């Protein structure tokens, strides 16, 4: 599902009800998929479980060309872990936090055709709220 203009989409949604999930792709200024939100059905709602960000250098096409890859995993109980793999540094860092407010990560299961809530980039309930890791996650 493409949201917005086909030449410059706001987001691309991959809906796989057989797996109880929805993936939301966001595009960078070069119209490359560089940010992915993974929502999973938990009973009668959707939960944003994983955010993955690829830091692509100018002109890169493949996600494997990313300078860094950041993966943030959210659990409904407020445990959040962040893994950052840096190609340049040749290392991976892992940070875990407990007690994170994940309430903005819950969504109603969308009705067909009403996808806007799944394509919200900013998932915080308060724009001044502290982010557990990075901007937009």
N, C-alpha and C. Protein backbone atom coordinates (compact mmCIF):
# COMPACT_ATOMS: atom_id res chain seq x y z
N UNK A 1 0.85 -1.15 0.00
CA UNK A 1 0.00 0.00 0.00
C UNK A 1 0.91 1.23 0.00
N UNK A 2 0.74 2.10 -0.97
CA UNK A 2 1.52 3.33 -1.06
C UNK A 2 0.66 4.48 -0.54
N UNK A 3 1.19 5.23 0.41
CA UNK A 3 0.48 6.40 0.94
C UNK A 3 1.14 7.65 0.40
N UNK A 4 0.35 8.53 -0.17
CA UNK A 4 0.88 9.76 -0.74
C UNK A 4 1.11 9.62 -2.22
N UNK A 5 1.93 10.50 -2.76
CA UNK A 5 2.25 10.55 -4.18
C UNK A 5 3.09 9.34 -4.57
N UNK A 6 2.78 8.71 -5.69
CA UNK A 6 3.54 7.53 -6.13
C UNK A 6 5.00 7.87 -6.40
N UNK A 7 5.29 9.08 -6.87
CA UNK A 7 6.68 9.48 -7.14
C UNK A 7 7.46 9.81 -5.89
N UNK A 8 6.77 10.22 -4.85
CA UNK A 8 7.41 10.58 -3.58
C UNK A 8 6.47 10.21 -2.44
N UNK A 9 6.33 8.89 -2.18
CA UNK A 9 5.39 8.44 -1.16
C UNK A 9 5.74 8.95 0.24
N UNK A 10 4.70 9.14 1.05
CA UNK A 10 4.90 9.46 2.46
C UNK A 10 5.36 8.21 3.20
N UNK A 11 4.79 7.08 2.83
CA UNK A 11 5.14 5.80 3.44
C UNK A 11 4.65 4.67 2.54
N UNK A 12 5.24 3.51 2.75
CA UNK A 12 4.81 2.30 2.06
C UNK A 12 4.48 1.28 3.14
N UNK A 13 3.28 0.71 3.06
CA UNK A 13 2.85 -0.26 4.05
C UNK A 13 2.84 -1.66 3.45
N UNK A 14 3.35 -2.61 4.22
CA UNK A 14 3.29 -4.03 3.86
C UNK A 14 2.37 -4.68 4.88
N UNK A 15 1.23 -5.14 4.42
CA UNK A 15 0.23 -5.70 5.31
C UNK A 15 0.18 -7.21 5.10
N UNK A 16 0.43 -7.94 6.17
CA UNK A 16 0.43 -9.40 6.10
C UNK A 16 -0.40 -9.96 7.26
N UNK A 17 -1.71 -9.94 7.09
CA UNK A 17 -2.59 -10.39 8.17
C UNK A 17 -2.37 -11.85 8.51
N UNK A 18 -1.89 -12.64 7.55
CA UNK A 18 -1.61 -14.05 7.83
C UNK A 18 -0.53 -14.16 8.93
N UNK A 19 0.34 -13.17 9.02
CA UNK A 19 1.38 -13.13 10.06
C UNK A 19 1.04 -12.17 11.20
N UNK A 20 -0.15 -11.57 11.13
CA UNK A 20 -0.59 -10.58 12.13
C UNK A 20 0.37 -9.41 12.23
N UNK A 21 0.87 -8.93 11.09
CA UNK A 21 1.78 -7.79 11.16
C UNK A 21 1.58 -6.80 10.03
N UNK A 22 2.08 -5.60 10.29
CA UNK A 22 2.11 -4.53 9.30
C UNK A 22 3.50 -3.91 9.38
N UNK A 23 4.14 -3.76 8.23
CA UNK A 23 5.43 -3.08 8.15
C UNK A 23 5.24 -1.74 7.48
N UNK A 24 5.85 -0.71 8.04
CA UNK A 24 5.78 0.62 7.47
C UNK A 24 7.17 1.07 7.08
N UNK A 25 7.35 1.42 5.82
CA UNK A 25 8.63 1.92 5.31
C UNK A 25 8.54 3.43 5.13
N UNK A 26 9.59 4.13 5.56
CA UNK A 26 9.73 5.56 5.31
C UNK A 26 10.91 5.76 4.38
N UNK A 27 10.79 6.75 3.50
CA UNK A 27 11.81 7.00 2.49
C UNK A 27 12.61 8.24 2.83
N UNK A 28 13.89 8.21 2.46
CA UNK A 28 14.75 9.38 2.70
C UNK A 28 14.66 10.34 1.51
N UNK A 29 15.49 11.38 1.52
CA UNK A 29 15.45 12.40 0.48
C UNK A 29 15.80 11.86 -0.91
N UNK A 30 16.48 10.71 -0.96
CA UNK A 30 16.81 10.07 -2.24
C UNK A 30 15.78 8.99 -2.60
N UNK A 31 14.66 8.98 -1.89
CA UNK A 31 13.55 8.05 -2.11
C UNK A 31 14.01 6.60 -1.95
N UNK A 32 14.81 6.37 -0.90
CA UNK A 32 15.28 5.02 -0.56
C UNK A 32 14.59 4.59 0.74
N UNK A 33 14.26 3.32 0.82
CA UNK A 33 13.72 2.78 2.07
C UNK A 33 14.84 2.78 3.10
N UNK A 34 14.68 3.58 4.14
CA UNK A 34 15.76 3.65 5.11
C UNK A 34 15.28 3.49 6.56
N UNK A 35 13.97 3.53 6.78
CA UNK A 35 13.43 3.40 8.13
C UNK A 35 12.23 2.48 8.06
N UNK A 36 12.21 1.48 8.97
CA UNK A 36 11.14 0.49 8.95
C UNK A 36 10.54 0.32 10.34
N UNK A 37 9.21 0.39 10.41
CA UNK A 37 8.47 0.11 11.65
C UNK A 37 7.77 -1.23 11.47
N UNK A 38 7.90 -2.10 12.46
CA UNK A 38 7.24 -3.41 12.44
C UNK A 38 6.18 -3.47 13.53
N UNK A 39 4.93 -3.56 13.12
CA UNK A 39 3.81 -3.67 14.05
C UNK A 39 3.33 -5.12 14.08
N UNK A 40 3.00 -5.60 15.28
CA UNK A 40 2.47 -6.95 15.43
C UNK A 40 1.16 -6.89 16.20
N UNK A 41 0.24 -7.76 15.82
CA UNK A 41 -1.04 -7.82 16.51
C UNK A 41 -0.84 -8.48 17.88
N UNK A 42 -1.35 -7.82 18.90
CA UNK A 42 -1.37 -8.37 20.26
C UNK A 42 -2.83 -8.30 20.70
N UNK A 43 -3.47 -9.43 20.70
CA UNK A 43 -4.91 -9.52 20.97
C UNK A 43 -5.70 -8.61 20.03
N UNK A 44 -6.28 -7.54 20.53
CA UNK A 44 -7.16 -6.70 19.70
C UNK A 44 -6.54 -5.37 19.30
N UNK A 45 -5.19 -5.27 19.39
CA UNK A 45 -4.51 -4.03 19.00
C UNK A 45 -3.20 -4.37 18.28
N UNK A 46 -2.59 -3.33 17.71
CA UNK A 46 -1.29 -3.47 17.07
C UNK A 46 -0.24 -2.82 17.97
N UNK A 47 0.95 -3.40 18.02
CA UNK A 47 2.04 -2.87 18.84
C UNK A 47 3.28 -2.68 17.97
N UNK A 48 3.86 -1.48 18.03
CA UNK A 48 5.11 -1.22 17.31
C UNK A 48 6.23 -1.90 18.07
N UNK A 49 6.69 -3.01 17.56
CA UNK A 49 7.66 -3.87 18.24
C UNK A 49 9.09 -3.55 17.85
N UNK A 50 9.31 -3.16 16.59
CA UNK A 50 10.69 -2.96 16.14
C UNK A 50 10.78 -1.77 15.21
N UNK A 51 11.85 -0.99 15.40
CA UNK A 51 12.19 0.12 14.51
C UNK A 51 13.61 -0.13 14.03
N UNK A 52 13.80 -0.10 12.72
CA UNK A 52 15.12 -0.31 12.13
C UNK A 52 15.45 0.88 11.24
N UNK A 53 16.65 1.43 11.44
CA UNK A 53 17.11 2.60 10.68
C UNK A 53 18.44 2.26 10.01
N UNK A 54 18.51 2.47 8.70
CA UNK A 54 19.74 2.29 7.94
C UNK A 54 20.28 3.67 7.60
N UNK A 55 21.50 3.99 8.02
CA UNK A 55 22.14 5.27 7.69
C UNK A 55 22.89 5.07 6.37
N UNK A 56 22.23 5.44 5.29
CA UNK A 56 22.80 5.23 3.97
C UNK A 56 23.60 6.45 3.52
N UNK A 57 24.81 6.23 3.00
CA UNK A 57 25.57 7.36 2.48
C UNK A 57 24.95 7.84 1.16
N UNK A 58 25.23 9.07 0.76
CA UNK A 58 24.69 9.58 -0.50
C UNK A 58 25.02 8.64 -1.66
N UNK A 59 24.03 8.37 -2.48
CA UNK A 59 24.23 7.54 -3.67
C UNK A 59 24.12 6.04 -3.42
N UNK A 60 24.15 5.60 -2.18
CA UNK A 60 24.03 4.16 -1.90
C UNK A 60 22.63 3.69 -2.28
N UNK A 61 22.55 2.46 -2.71
CA UNK A 61 21.27 1.90 -3.11
C UNK A 61 20.84 0.78 -2.16
N UNK A 62 21.76 -0.08 -1.81
CA UNK A 62 21.45 -1.25 -1.00
C UNK A 62 21.55 -0.96 0.49
N UNK A 63 20.66 -1.57 1.27
CA UNK A 63 20.74 -1.41 2.72
C UNK A 63 22.05 -1.96 3.27
N UNK A 64 22.65 -2.91 2.58
CA UNK A 64 23.93 -3.46 3.02
C UNK A 64 25.07 -2.43 2.93
N UNK A 65 24.82 -1.32 2.24
CA UNK A 65 25.81 -0.25 2.13
C UNK A 65 25.72 0.75 3.28
N UNK A 66 24.81 0.52 4.20
CA UNK A 66 24.60 1.45 5.31
C UNK A 66 25.86 1.61 6.16
N UNK A 67 26.10 2.85 6.59
CA UNK A 67 27.22 3.12 7.50
C UNK A 67 26.94 2.54 8.87
N UNK A 68 25.70 2.71 9.32
CA UNK A 68 25.27 2.11 10.58
C UNK A 68 23.85 1.57 10.40
N UNK A 69 23.55 0.59 11.22
CA UNK A 69 22.20 0.03 11.27
C UNK A 69 21.80 0.05 12.74
N UNK A 70 20.68 0.69 13.01
CA UNK A 70 20.17 0.78 14.37
C UNK A 70 18.85 0.02 14.44
N UNK A 71 18.76 -0.90 15.39
CA UNK A 71 17.54 -1.68 15.60
C UNK A 71 17.10 -1.46 17.03
N UNK A 72 15.86 -1.01 17.21
CA UNK A 72 15.29 -0.81 18.54
C UNK A 72 14.12 -1.76 18.69
N UNK A 73 14.18 -2.60 19.71
CA UNK A 73 13.12 -3.56 20.00
C UNK A 73 12.36 -3.10 21.24
N UNK A 74 11.04 -3.02 21.12
CA UNK A 74 10.18 -2.59 22.21
C UNK A 74 9.36 -3.79 22.68
N UNK A 75 9.21 -3.90 23.99
CA UNK A 75 8.35 -4.91 24.56
C UNK A 75 7.19 -4.22 25.26
N UNK A 76 6.01 -4.81 25.23
CA UNK A 76 4.85 -4.18 25.87
C UNK A 76 5.06 -3.85 27.34
N UNK A 77 5.99 -4.55 28.01
CA UNK A 77 6.22 -4.29 29.44
C UNK A 77 7.20 -3.16 29.70
N UNK A 78 7.62 -2.44 28.64
CA UNK A 78 8.50 -1.28 28.81
C UNK A 78 9.98 -1.56 28.75
N UNK A 79 10.36 -2.77 28.38
CA UNK A 79 11.78 -3.07 28.18
C UNK A 79 12.11 -2.76 26.72
N UNK A 80 13.16 -1.96 26.53
CA UNK A 80 13.56 -1.53 25.20
C UNK A 80 15.04 -1.80 25.04
N UNK A 81 15.41 -2.41 23.92
CA UNK A 81 16.84 -2.65 23.64
C UNK A 81 17.19 -2.03 22.30
N UNK A 82 18.37 -1.47 22.25
CA UNK A 82 18.87 -0.83 21.04
C UNK A 82 20.20 -1.48 20.66
N UNK A 83 20.30 -1.88 19.40
CA UNK A 83 21.54 -2.42 18.87
C UNK A 83 21.97 -1.50 17.74
N UNK A 84 23.22 -1.03 17.80
CA UNK A 84 23.78 -0.18 16.74
C UNK A 84 25.01 -0.89 16.20
N UNK A 85 24.95 -1.20 14.90
CA UNK A 85 26.09 -1.82 14.22
C UNK A 85 26.75 -0.76 13.34
N UNK A 86 28.01 -0.48 13.64
CA UNK A 86 28.76 0.52 12.88
C UNK A 86 29.76 -0.18 11.97
N UNK A 87 29.58 0.04 10.68
CA UNK A 87 30.49 -0.57 9.71
C UNK A 87 31.88 0.04 9.84
N UNK A 88 31.96 1.37 9.97
CA UNK A 88 33.25 2.06 10.06
C UNK A 88 34.02 1.65 11.31
N UNK A 89 33.35 1.57 12.44
CA UNK A 89 34.02 1.21 13.69
C UNK A 89 34.20 -0.30 13.81
N UNK A 90 33.47 -1.05 13.00
CA UNK A 90 33.60 -2.50 13.06
C UNK A 90 33.12 -3.08 14.38
N UNK A 91 32.10 -2.45 14.98
CA UNK A 91 31.62 -2.96 16.26
C UNK A 91 30.11 -2.81 16.36
N UNK A 92 29.58 -3.52 17.33
CA UNK A 92 28.15 -3.47 17.62
C UNK A 92 27.97 -3.12 19.08
N UNK A 93 27.08 -2.19 19.36
CA UNK A 93 26.79 -1.78 20.73
C UNK A 93 25.35 -2.14 21.06
N UNK A 94 25.13 -2.59 22.29
CA UNK A 94 23.80 -2.94 22.76
C UNK A 94 23.51 -2.18 24.05
N UNK A 95 22.34 -1.53 24.10
CA UNK A 95 21.89 -0.81 25.29
C UNK A 95 20.49 -1.28 25.59
N UNK A 96 20.18 -1.47 26.87
CA UNK A 96 18.83 -1.87 27.26
C UNK A 96 18.32 -0.92 28.33
N UNK A 97 17.04 -0.57 28.23
CA UNK A 97 16.40 0.28 29.23
C UNK A 97 15.13 -0.41 29.72
N UNK A 98 14.80 -0.16 30.97
CA UNK A 98 13.59 -0.71 31.56
C UNK A 98 12.68 0.46 31.97
N UNK A 99 11.41 0.21 32.04
CA UNK A 99 10.46 1.23 32.49
C UNK A 99 10.17 2.31 31.47
N UNK A 100 10.37 2.03 30.20
CA UNK A 100 10.11 3.00 29.15
C UNK A 100 8.60 3.04 28.88
N UNK A 101 8.05 4.23 28.72
CA UNK A 101 6.63 4.38 28.39
C UNK A 101 6.44 4.00 26.92
N UNK A 102 5.83 2.86 26.69
CA UNK A 102 5.59 2.40 25.31
C UNK A 102 4.14 2.62 24.90
N UNK A 103 3.39 3.38 25.66
CA UNK A 103 1.98 3.60 25.32
C UNK A 103 1.79 4.19 23.92
N UNK A 104 2.70 5.07 23.42
CA UNK A 104 2.51 5.57 22.05
C UNK A 104 2.70 4.51 20.97
N UNK A 105 3.16 3.32 21.35
CA UNK A 105 3.42 2.25 20.38
C UNK A 105 2.19 1.37 20.12
N UNK A 106 1.12 1.62 20.85
CA UNK A 106 -0.12 0.87 20.64
C UNK A 106 -1.01 1.58 19.64
N UNK A 107 -1.61 0.82 18.76
CA UNK A 107 -2.53 1.34 17.74
C UNK A 107 -3.74 0.42 17.66
N UNK A 108 -4.86 1.01 17.29
CA UNK A 108 -6.02 0.19 16.97
C UNK A 108 -5.72 -0.56 15.68
N UNK A 109 -6.30 -1.72 15.52
CA UNK A 109 -6.15 -2.45 14.26
C UNK A 109 -6.87 -1.61 13.20
N UNK A 110 -6.15 -1.22 12.15
CA UNK A 110 -6.77 -0.32 11.17
C UNK A 110 -7.86 -1.00 10.35
N UNK A 111 -8.87 -0.22 10.07
CA UNK A 111 -9.93 -0.65 9.16
C UNK A 111 -9.38 -0.49 7.75
N UNK A 112 -9.75 -1.37 6.85
CA UNK A 112 -9.23 -1.30 5.49
C UNK A 112 -9.41 0.10 4.92
N UNK A 113 -8.32 0.64 4.40
CA UNK A 113 -8.33 1.96 3.79
C UNK A 113 -7.99 3.10 4.75
N UNK A 114 -7.96 2.83 6.03
CA UNK A 114 -7.64 3.86 7.02
C UNK A 114 -6.27 3.55 7.63
N UNK A 115 -5.23 3.85 6.87
CA UNK A 115 -3.87 3.45 7.22
C UNK A 115 -3.03 4.55 7.84
N UNK A 116 -3.51 5.77 7.91
CA UNK A 116 -2.69 6.91 8.34
C UNK A 116 -2.02 6.70 9.69
N UNK A 117 -2.70 6.08 10.64
CA UNK A 117 -2.10 5.91 11.97
C UNK A 117 -0.89 4.98 11.93
N UNK A 118 -0.84 4.08 10.96
CA UNK A 118 0.30 3.16 10.85
C UNK A 118 1.49 3.84 10.19
N UNK A 119 1.27 5.02 9.61
CA UNK A 119 2.33 5.73 8.89
C UNK A 119 2.77 7.00 9.62
N UNK A 120 2.50 7.07 10.93
CA UNK A 120 2.97 8.23 11.70
C UNK A 120 4.44 8.03 12.02
N UNK A 121 5.26 8.97 11.57
CA UNK A 121 6.71 8.89 11.82
C UNK A 121 7.00 9.10 13.31
N UNK A 122 6.42 10.15 13.88
CA UNK A 122 6.66 10.49 15.28
C UNK A 122 5.71 9.67 16.14
N UNK A 123 6.23 8.75 16.92
CA UNK A 123 5.41 7.85 17.72
C UNK A 123 5.26 8.32 19.16
N UNK A 124 5.79 9.50 19.50
CA UNK A 124 5.66 9.97 20.88
C UNK A 124 4.30 10.59 21.09
N UNK A 125 3.77 10.46 22.29
CA UNK A 125 2.49 11.09 22.60
C UNK A 125 2.68 12.56 22.91
N UNK A 126 3.90 12.94 23.27
CA UNK A 126 4.22 14.32 23.64
C UNK A 126 5.51 14.68 22.90
N UNK A 127 5.47 15.71 22.06
CA UNK A 127 6.64 16.07 21.26
C UNK A 127 7.84 16.46 22.12
N UNK A 128 7.62 16.78 23.41
CA UNK A 128 8.72 17.13 24.31
C UNK A 128 9.19 15.95 25.14
N UNK A 129 8.56 14.79 24.96
CA UNK A 129 8.91 13.63 25.76
C UNK A 129 10.30 13.13 25.40
N UNK A 130 10.96 12.58 26.38
CA UNK A 130 12.29 12.01 26.16
C UNK A 130 12.15 10.74 25.33
N UNK A 131 12.96 10.61 24.31
CA UNK A 131 12.97 9.41 23.48
C UNK A 131 13.88 8.37 24.15
N UNK A 132 13.49 7.10 24.15
CA UNK A 132 14.37 6.10 24.75
C UNK A 132 15.69 6.01 24.01
N UNK A 133 15.65 6.14 22.68
CA UNK A 133 16.85 6.12 21.85
C UNK A 133 16.53 6.92 20.60
N UNK A 134 17.42 7.75 20.16
CA UNK A 134 17.28 8.41 18.87
C UNK A 134 16.00 9.19 18.68
N UNK A 135 15.91 9.83 17.56
CA UNK A 135 14.75 10.67 17.22
C UNK A 135 13.75 9.86 16.41
N UNK A 136 12.49 9.99 16.78
CA UNK A 136 11.44 9.33 16.02
C UNK A 136 11.11 7.94 16.44
N UNK A 137 11.86 7.36 17.36
CA UNK A 137 11.58 5.98 17.75
C UNK A 137 10.75 5.91 18.98
